[in-house]
Amino acid sequence: MLPESRQGATRLSPYIRHGLLPLPVVWDAVADAPGRDRHRFRDELLWQEYARHLYARVGPDLARPLRSGQPVLPDGAVPWDDPWTRDMACMDHAVGSLLDDGWVVNQQRMWLASQWSVRGGRAWRAGEEAMFAHLLDGSRAANRLGWQWTVGTGSGKPYGFSRWQVEKRAPQLCRSCPLADDCPVQDWPESSRGGPVDGPDLGRGAGEAVHAGPAEVEGAGTGEAVWLTAESLGDADPALAADPDRPVEFCFDELLLARLRVSGKRLVFLAECLGDLATSYDVTVRRGDPLTELAGRPLAATWTPVPGWARRAAALDVPEQHPWPWLRRPRPSSVRSFSAWRKAVER
């Protein structure tokens, strides 16, 4: 993890999350990479795809524990006031990366989630929201899945964070830590897994197939303008690529942004992406209620595996819909675990 030159991280995730780099494009781009690197990299891409399949399947229920309850602190222990205290060098580095850069390597995301909930005893949803607000690649699908897997609500087994991981992956942090001789994460956390919960149905079922969107273009040529969202923001968007001469519409949803309160870094990233797009296309950026700002005009759009998009598309005039660029198109199969899902989609 440190030094940064040895991280082995591409930092492509913000561009993948916002659709500038569709997963099939990135998958094909590494076809000639060395075998081990290619396998590990594509495995990470499949995790992204799994998160999207899961979110398309359960929608807002991804905010509920999927398999187990919140980890339980040992008897007599109380939740930390500040699990991400910056008195600890490991937390200071991770939190600093989150707040300053809006990007954190995956290992540190696991440290933050485990420290917040497994050892710190704080509600995982609150920690997930705090991280989501700052990450340039923050998505409800990937971020919530990552938190649920780490704290055990989605996997049934909490991930324990301790000094051992820091000394293995970033020993210079421990050497410089003011708490090196009194480390509060010296040993494994003693929290136990939460009890079983009545979560959403994750087994094989016909319901998943209807959340894949159209397999072919519907209503080709009937949209007067292309509607882009934060899920599909680049010129690789299928609706935009189908007719680059059509005007492009993007609307910052004021009510949604007021509720989410995402960091300025995320808004600047989106604005810069739109600015780049405007050098080649006729782009109009609006601010307000999308249902008002985009009303009265037939739109072409790419179907998107996000519940909010479906609600807005149903209320707007979107006669032309293009297929989402799935890496593996959803079909009736279990999404209880990454391994079960992977076996099903790769048959």
Protein backbone atom coordinates (compact mmCIF):
# COMPACT_ATOMS: atom_id res chain seq x y z
CA MET A 1 0.00 0.00 0.00
CA LEU A 2 2.95 2.31 0.65
CA PRO A 3 4.93 3.68 -0.99
CA GLU A 4 2.36 4.75 -3.58
CA SER A 5 4.67 3.65 -6.41
CA ARG A 6 4.09 0.03 -5.31
CA GLN A 7 0.33 0.17 -4.86
CA GLY A 8 -0.49 -1.55 -8.12
CA ALA A 9 -3.67 0.53 -8.36
CA THR A 10 -4.83 1.97 -11.66
CA ARG A 11 -7.09 4.72 -10.23
CA LEU A 12 -9.50 4.06 -13.08
CA SER A 13 -12.42 3.58 -10.71
CA PRO A 14 -13.90 7.13 -10.95
CA TYR A 15 -14.00 6.82 -14.73
CA ILE A 16 -15.50 3.34 -14.58
CA ARG A 17 -18.08 4.38 -11.99
CA HIS A 18 -19.28 7.33 -14.11
CA GLY A 19 -19.37 5.41 -17.36
CA LEU A 20 -16.49 7.14 -19.12
CA LEU A 21 -14.85 3.72 -19.28
CA PRO A 22 -17.46 0.96 -19.69
CA LEU A 23 -16.44 -2.33 -18.10
CA PRO A 24 -16.36 -4.26 -21.44
CA VAL A 25 -13.91 -1.70 -22.85
CA VAL A 26 -11.57 -1.97 -19.85
CA TRP A 27 -11.90 -5.77 -19.87
CA ASP A 28 -10.80 -5.99 -23.52
CA ALA A 29 -8.00 -3.46 -23.03
CA VAL A 30 -5.99 -5.88 -20.86
CA ALA A 31 -6.35 -8.91 -23.13
CA ASP A 32 -2.60 -9.01 -23.79
CA ALA A 33 -1.49 -8.32 -20.20
CA PRO A 34 0.59 -10.91 -18.30
CA GLY A 35 -1.64 -13.75 -17.13
CA ARG A 36 -1.53 -13.16 -13.38
CA ASP A 37 -2.04 -9.40 -13.71
CA ARG A 38 -4.85 -9.88 -16.20
CA HIS A 39 -6.63 -12.37 -13.95
CA ARG A 40 -6.43 -10.18 -10.85
CA PHE A 41 -7.44 -7.03 -12.70
CA ARG A 42 -10.42 -8.67 -14.37
CA ASP A 43 -11.43 -10.15 -11.04
CA GLU A 44 -11.78 -6.59 -9.73
CA LEU A 45 -13.87 -5.66 -12.77
CA LEU A 46 -16.16 -8.59 -12.05
CA TRP A 47 -16.62 -7.33 -8.49
CA GLN A 48 -17.80 -4.03 -9.95
CA GLU A 49 -20.21 -5.90 -12.21
CA TYR A 50 -21.45 -8.03 -9.33
CA ALA A 51 -22.18 -4.87 -7.33
CA ARG A 52 -24.27 -3.52 -10.21
CA HIS A 53 -26.16 -6.80 -10.60
CA LEU A 54 -26.88 -6.87 -6.88
CA TYR A 55 -28.02 -3.25 -6.80
CA ALA A 56 -30.21 -3.73 -9.87
CA ARG A 57 -31.76 -6.70 -8.09
CA VAL A 58 -32.40 -5.31 -4.60
CA GLY A 59 -32.29 -1.53 -5.12
CA PRO A 60 -32.70 0.46 -1.88
CA ASP A 61 -32.63 -2.81 0.10
CA LEU A 62 -28.85 -2.75 -0.33
CA ALA A 63 -28.98 -0.30 2.57
CA ARG A 64 -30.30 -3.13 4.78
CA PRO A 65 -28.10 -5.92 6.15
CA LEU A 66 -28.19 -8.70 3.57
CA ARG A 67 -27.26 -11.74 5.66
CA SER A 68 -26.29 -10.81 9.22
CA GLY A 69 -26.78 -8.00 11.68
CA GLN A 70 -24.26 -5.39 12.75
CA PRO A 71 -21.14 -6.86 14.47
CA VAL A 72 -21.58 -7.08 18.24
CA LEU A 73 -19.03 -5.54 20.60
CA PRO A 74 -17.81 -7.71 23.49
CA ASP A 75 -19.56 -7.38 26.83
CA GLY A 76 -18.74 -4.15 28.58
CA ALA A 77 -17.30 -2.44 25.50
CA VAL A 78 -18.78 0.85 24.29
CA PRO A 79 -18.70 2.34 20.77
CA TRP A 80 -15.79 4.62 20.00
CA ASP A 81 -16.55 8.35 19.89
CA ASP A 82 -14.30 8.67 16.83
CA PRO A 83 -13.26 5.35 15.25
CA TRP A 84 -11.35 7.25 12.57
CA THR A 85 -9.29 9.23 15.08
CA ARG A 86 -6.37 10.84 13.30
CA ASP A 87 -4.14 10.30 16.34
CA MET A 88 -3.48 6.90 14.70
CA ALA A 89 -1.13 7.21 11.72
CA CYS A 90 -2.98 4.49 9.79
CA MET A 91 -6.31 6.29 10.16
CA ASP A 92 -4.75 9.69 9.54
CA HIS A 93 -3.35 8.50 6.22
CA ALA A 94 -6.57 6.80 5.11
CA VAL A 95 -8.88 9.62 6.20
CA GLY A 96 -6.52 12.18 4.68
CA SER A 97 -6.64 10.38 1.33
CA LEU A 98 -10.43 10.27 1.50
CA LEU A 99 -10.88 13.94 2.40
CA ASP A 100 -8.08 15.43 0.29
CA ASP A 101 -8.06 13.22 -2.81
CA GLY A 102 -11.49 11.59 -2.86
CA TRP A 103 -9.81 8.29 -3.57
CA VAL A 104 -8.52 5.51 -1.29
CA VAL A 105 -6.94 2.17 -2.17
CA ASN A 106 -9.17 -0.82 -1.56
CA GLN A 107 -7.16 -2.18 1.37
CA GLN A 108 -7.54 1.10 3.24
CA ARG A 109 -11.28 1.18 2.53
CA MET A 110 -11.48 -2.15 4.33
CA TRP A 111 -9.46 -0.73 7.22
CA LEU A 112 -11.81 2.24 7.52
CA ALA A 113 -14.97 0.13 7.37
CA SER A 114 -13.70 -2.46 9.85
CA GLN A 115 -12.37 0.18 12.24
CA TRP A 116 -15.69 2.04 12.12
CA SER A 117 -18.06 -0.87 12.74
CA VAL A 118 -16.25 -4.05 13.77
CA ARG A 119 -13.97 -2.48 16.37
CA GLY A 120 -15.56 0.95 16.81
CA GLY A 121 -19.10 -0.37 17.14
CA ARG A 122 -20.62 2.41 15.07
CA ALA A 123 -23.52 1.84 12.64
CA TRP A 124 -22.16 0.78 9.27
CA ARG A 125 -24.67 2.91 7.34
CA ALA A 126 -23.31 6.09 8.91
CA GLY A 127 -19.76 5.16 7.97
CA GLU A 128 -20.81 4.20 4.46
CA GLU A 129 -22.51 7.57 4.03
CA ALA A 130 -19.40 9.39 5.27
CA MET A 131 -17.19 7.59 2.78
CA PHE A 132 -19.70 7.90 -0.08
CA ALA A 133 -19.82 11.69 0.29
CA HIS A 134 -16.14 12.07 -0.56
CA LEU A 135 -15.23 9.27 -2.97
CA LEU A 136 -14.92 10.32 -6.61
CA ASP A 137 -15.94 6.75 -7.46
CA GLY A 138 -18.64 6.63 -4.81
CA SER A 139 -21.58 4.52 -5.94
CA ARG A 140 -24.38 3.06 -3.90
CA ALA A 141 -23.74 -0.30 -5.53
CA ALA A 142 -19.99 -0.69 -4.97
CA ASN A 143 -19.66 1.28 -1.73
CA ARG A 144 -22.54 -0.41 0.06
CA LEU A 145 -21.46 -3.85 -1.12
CA GLY A 146 -17.90 -3.17 0.05
CA TRP A 147 -19.08 -2.10 3.49
CA GLN A 148 -21.47 -5.01 3.87
CA TRP A 149 -18.78 -7.49 2.86
CA THR A 150 -16.20 -5.95 5.22
CA VAL A 151 -18.34 -5.58 8.34
CA GLY A 152 -19.97 -8.98 7.80
CA THR A 153 -23.58 -7.92 7.21
CA GLY A 154 -23.29 -9.14 3.63
CA SER A 155 -20.82 -11.97 4.04
CA GLY A 156 -21.60 -13.33 7.51
CA LYS A 157 -17.95 -12.92 8.57
CA PRO A 158 -16.59 -9.55 9.74
CA TYR A 159 -13.15 -8.52 8.50
CA GLY A 160 -10.85 -7.75 11.42
CA PHE A 161 -8.50 -4.79 11.18
CA SER A 162 -5.43 -4.64 13.40
CA ARG A 163 -1.85 -3.41 13.53
CA TRP A 164 -0.76 -6.58 11.72
CA GLN A 165 -2.23 -5.38 8.40
CA VAL A 166 -0.56 -1.99 8.71
CA GLU A 167 2.86 -3.45 9.48
CA LYS A 168 2.49 -5.83 6.55
CA ARG A 169 1.39 -3.27 3.94
CA ALA A 170 2.56 0.13 5.21
CA PRO A 171 5.10 -0.36 8.04
CA GLN A 172 6.29 3.25 7.82
CA LEU A 173 2.95 4.35 9.25
CA CYS A 174 3.50 2.34 12.42
CA ARG A 175 7.06 3.59 12.74
CA SER A 176 5.89 7.20 12.63
CA CYS A 177 2.74 6.76 14.73
CA PRO A 178 2.56 8.70 18.01
CA LEU A 179 0.63 5.73 19.44
CA ALA A 180 3.17 3.12 18.35
CA ASP A 181 3.85 2.12 21.96
CA ASP A 182 0.20 2.17 22.97
CA CYS A 183 -1.54 1.01 19.83
CA PRO A 184 -5.34 0.80 20.20
CA VAL A 185 -5.54 -1.75 17.36
CA GLN A 186 -2.64 -3.91 18.52
CA ASP A 187 -4.77 -7.08 18.59
CA TRP A 188 -7.64 -8.42 16.51
CA PRO A 189 -11.03 -6.89 17.34
CA GLU A 190 -13.08 -9.06 19.68
CA SER A 191 -16.45 -8.24 18.15
CA SER A 192 -18.58 -11.16 17.05
CA ARG A 193 -20.77 -11.51 13.99
CA GLY A 194 -24.32 -10.25 14.22
CA GLY A 195 -27.31 -12.56 14.25
CA PRO A 196 -29.24 -13.64 11.15
CA VAL A 197 -31.57 -11.11 9.55
CA ASP A 198 -34.58 -11.28 7.28
CA GLY A 199 -32.89 -9.67 4.30
CA PRO A 200 -33.96 -9.41 0.66
CA ASP A 201 -34.24 -12.54 -1.48
CA LEU A 202 -30.81 -13.12 -3.03
CA GLY A 203 -31.43 -16.60 -4.39
CA ARG A 204 -32.19 -17.72 -7.90
CA GLY A 205 -35.38 -16.12 -9.16
CA ALA A 206 -37.05 -14.75 -12.22
CA GLY A 207 -37.07 -11.29 -10.69
CA GLU A 208 -33.46 -10.60 -11.59
CA ALA A 209 -33.97 -10.96 -15.33
CA VAL A 210 -36.33 -7.98 -15.52
CA HIS A 211 -33.68 -5.66 -14.07
CA ALA A 212 -31.30 -5.96 -17.01
CA GLY A 213 -32.91 -3.36 -19.27
CA PRO A 214 -33.50 -3.77 -23.01
CA ALA A 215 -31.32 -6.18 -24.94
CA GLU A 216 -31.78 -4.15 -28.13
CA VAL A 217 -32.35 -0.47 -28.87
CA GLU A 218 -35.97 0.52 -28.35
CA GLY A 219 -37.46 3.41 -30.35
CA ALA A 220 -34.31 4.17 -32.36
CA GLY A 221 -34.25 7.75 -33.62
CA THR A 222 -37.28 8.95 -31.66
CA GLY A 223 -35.34 11.00 -29.11
CA GLU A 224 -34.64 14.63 -29.92
CA ALA A 225 -31.90 15.00 -27.31
CA VAL A 226 -29.65 12.64 -25.37
CA TRP A 227 -30.16 12.55 -21.61
CA LEU A 228 -26.95 11.79 -19.72
CA THR A 229 -26.64 11.10 -16.00
CA ALA A 230 -23.77 10.60 -13.59
CA GLU A 231 -23.97 6.86 -14.29
CA SER A 232 -23.05 7.25 -17.96
CA LEU A 233 -21.27 10.52 -18.51
CA GLY A 234 -18.84 10.02 -21.37
CA ASP A 235 -18.90 9.80 -25.14
CA ALA A 236 -19.00 6.01 -24.79
CA ASP A 237 -22.63 6.33 -23.68
CA PRO A 238 -24.59 4.14 -26.14
CA ALA A 239 -27.37 6.69 -26.69
CA LEU A 240 -24.85 9.44 -27.41
CA ALA A 241 -22.71 7.22 -29.64
CA ALA A 242 -25.78 6.28 -31.70
CA ASP A 243 -26.16 9.89 -32.93
CA PRO A 244 -23.37 12.28 -31.89
CA ASP A 245 -25.11 15.20 -33.63
CA ARG A 246 -28.02 15.31 -31.19
CA PRO A 247 -27.89 17.85 -28.35
CA VAL A 248 -26.98 16.52 -24.92
CA GLU A 249 -28.82 17.29 -21.68
CA PHE A 250 -27.50 16.89 -18.13
CA CYS A 251 -29.27 18.07 -14.99
CA PHE A 252 -27.79 18.47 -11.52
CA ASP A 253 -30.63 17.33 -9.25
CA GLU A 254 -30.73 20.02 -6.55
CA LEU A 255 -33.00 18.13 -4.17
CA LEU A 256 -30.86 14.98 -4.40
CA LEU A 257 -27.63 16.90 -3.90
CA ALA A 258 -29.08 18.74 -0.90
CA ARG A 259 -29.91 15.39 0.67
CA LEU A 260 -26.63 13.62 -0.17
CA ARG A 261 -24.35 16.61 0.60
CA VAL A 262 -21.51 15.17 -1.45
CA SER A 263 -18.15 16.91 -1.31
CA GLY A 264 -17.08 19.66 -3.66
CA LYS A 265 -14.47 17.30 -5.11
CA ARG A 266 -17.19 15.09 -6.55
CA LEU A 267 -19.09 18.01 -8.04
CA VAL A 268 -15.91 19.40 -9.59
CA PHE A 269 -15.11 15.98 -11.09
CA LEU A 270 -18.56 15.82 -12.71
CA ALA A 271 -18.27 19.41 -13.95
CA GLU A 272 -14.87 18.71 -15.49
CA CYS A 273 -16.25 15.63 -17.25
CA LEU A 274 -19.10 17.71 -18.67
CA GLY A 275 -16.64 20.41 -19.71
CA ASP A 276 -14.57 17.87 -21.62
CA LEU A 277 -17.70 16.53 -23.28
CA ALA A 278 -18.74 20.04 -24.32
CA THR A 279 -15.61 20.43 -26.44
CA SER A 280 -17.04 17.88 -28.87
CA TYR A 281 -20.82 17.95 -28.34
CA ASP A 282 -23.64 20.43 -27.86
CA VAL A 283 -24.04 20.05 -24.09
CA THR A 284 -26.56 21.88 -21.93
CA VAL A 285 -26.08 21.61 -18.15
CA ARG A 286 -29.11 22.39 -15.99
CA ARG A 287 -29.73 22.64 -12.25
CA GLY A 288 -33.01 21.91 -10.54
CA ASP A 289 -35.61 19.14 -10.66
CA PRO A 290 -34.87 16.86 -13.65
CA LEU A 291 -38.58 16.12 -14.05
CA THR A 292 -39.16 19.83 -14.62
CA GLU A 293 -35.96 20.75 -16.42
CA LEU A 294 -36.17 17.89 -18.93
CA ALA A 295 -39.94 17.81 -19.40
CA GLY A 296 -41.68 18.34 -22.73
CA ARG A 297 -38.99 16.88 -24.97
CA PRO A 298 -38.61 13.29 -26.22
CA LEU A 299 -35.30 11.97 -24.92
CA ALA A 300 -32.88 9.25 -25.91
CA ALA A 301 -31.12 7.61 -22.98
CA THR A 302 -29.12 4.57 -21.98
CA TRP A 303 -30.99 2.30 -19.56
CA THR A 304 -29.22 2.45 -16.22
CA PRO A 305 -29.18 -0.14 -13.34
CA VAL A 306 -30.10 2.48 -10.72
CA PRO A 307 -33.56 2.74 -9.11
CA GLY A 308 -33.56 6.54 -9.26
CA TRP A 309 -32.98 6.51 -13.00
CA ALA A 310 -35.91 4.17 -13.55
CA ARG A 311 -38.24 6.42 -11.54
CA ARG A 312 -37.25 9.51 -13.49
CA ALA A 313 -37.36 7.77 -16.86
CA ALA A 314 -40.90 6.61 -16.12
CA ALA A 315 -41.97 10.19 -15.39
CA LEU A 316 -40.20 11.74 -18.40
CA ASP A 317 -40.71 11.17 -22.13
CA VAL A 318 -37.96 8.65 -22.96
CA PRO A 319 -39.17 6.85 -26.10
CA GLU A 320 -35.65 5.78 -27.11
CA GLN A 321 -33.74 3.51 -24.72
CA HIS A 322 -30.39 1.88 -25.37
CA PRO A 323 -29.01 -1.24 -23.65
CA TRP A 324 -26.67 -0.84 -20.71
CA PRO A 325 -23.13 -2.05 -21.60
CA TRP A 326 -23.09 -5.02 -19.24
CA LEU A 327 -19.93 -7.03 -18.84
CA ARG A 328 -22.17 -10.00 -18.00
CA ARG A 329 -25.86 -9.50 -18.69
CA PRO A 330 -28.04 -10.32 -15.63
CA ARG A 331 -30.12 -13.47 -15.68
CA PRO A 332 -31.97 -15.51 -13.06
CA SER A 333 -29.25 -16.67 -10.68
CA SER A 334 -28.17 -16.39 -7.07
CA VAL A 335 -26.49 -13.18 -5.93
CA ARG A 336 -25.93 -14.37 -2.36
CA SER A 337 -22.19 -14.27 -2.87
CA PHE A 338 -19.67 -13.19 -5.46
CA SER A 339 -18.52 -16.77 -6.03
CA ALA A 340 -22.07 -18.08 -6.58
CA TRP A 341 -22.87 -15.22 -8.92
CA ARG A 342 -19.65 -15.65 -10.86
CA LYS A 343 -20.23 -19.34 -11.46
CA ALA A 344 -23.70 -18.59 -12.80
CA VAL A 345 -22.80 -15.77 -15.18
CA GLU A 346 -19.71 -17.51 -16.58
CA ARG A 347 -21.42 -20.77 -17.48
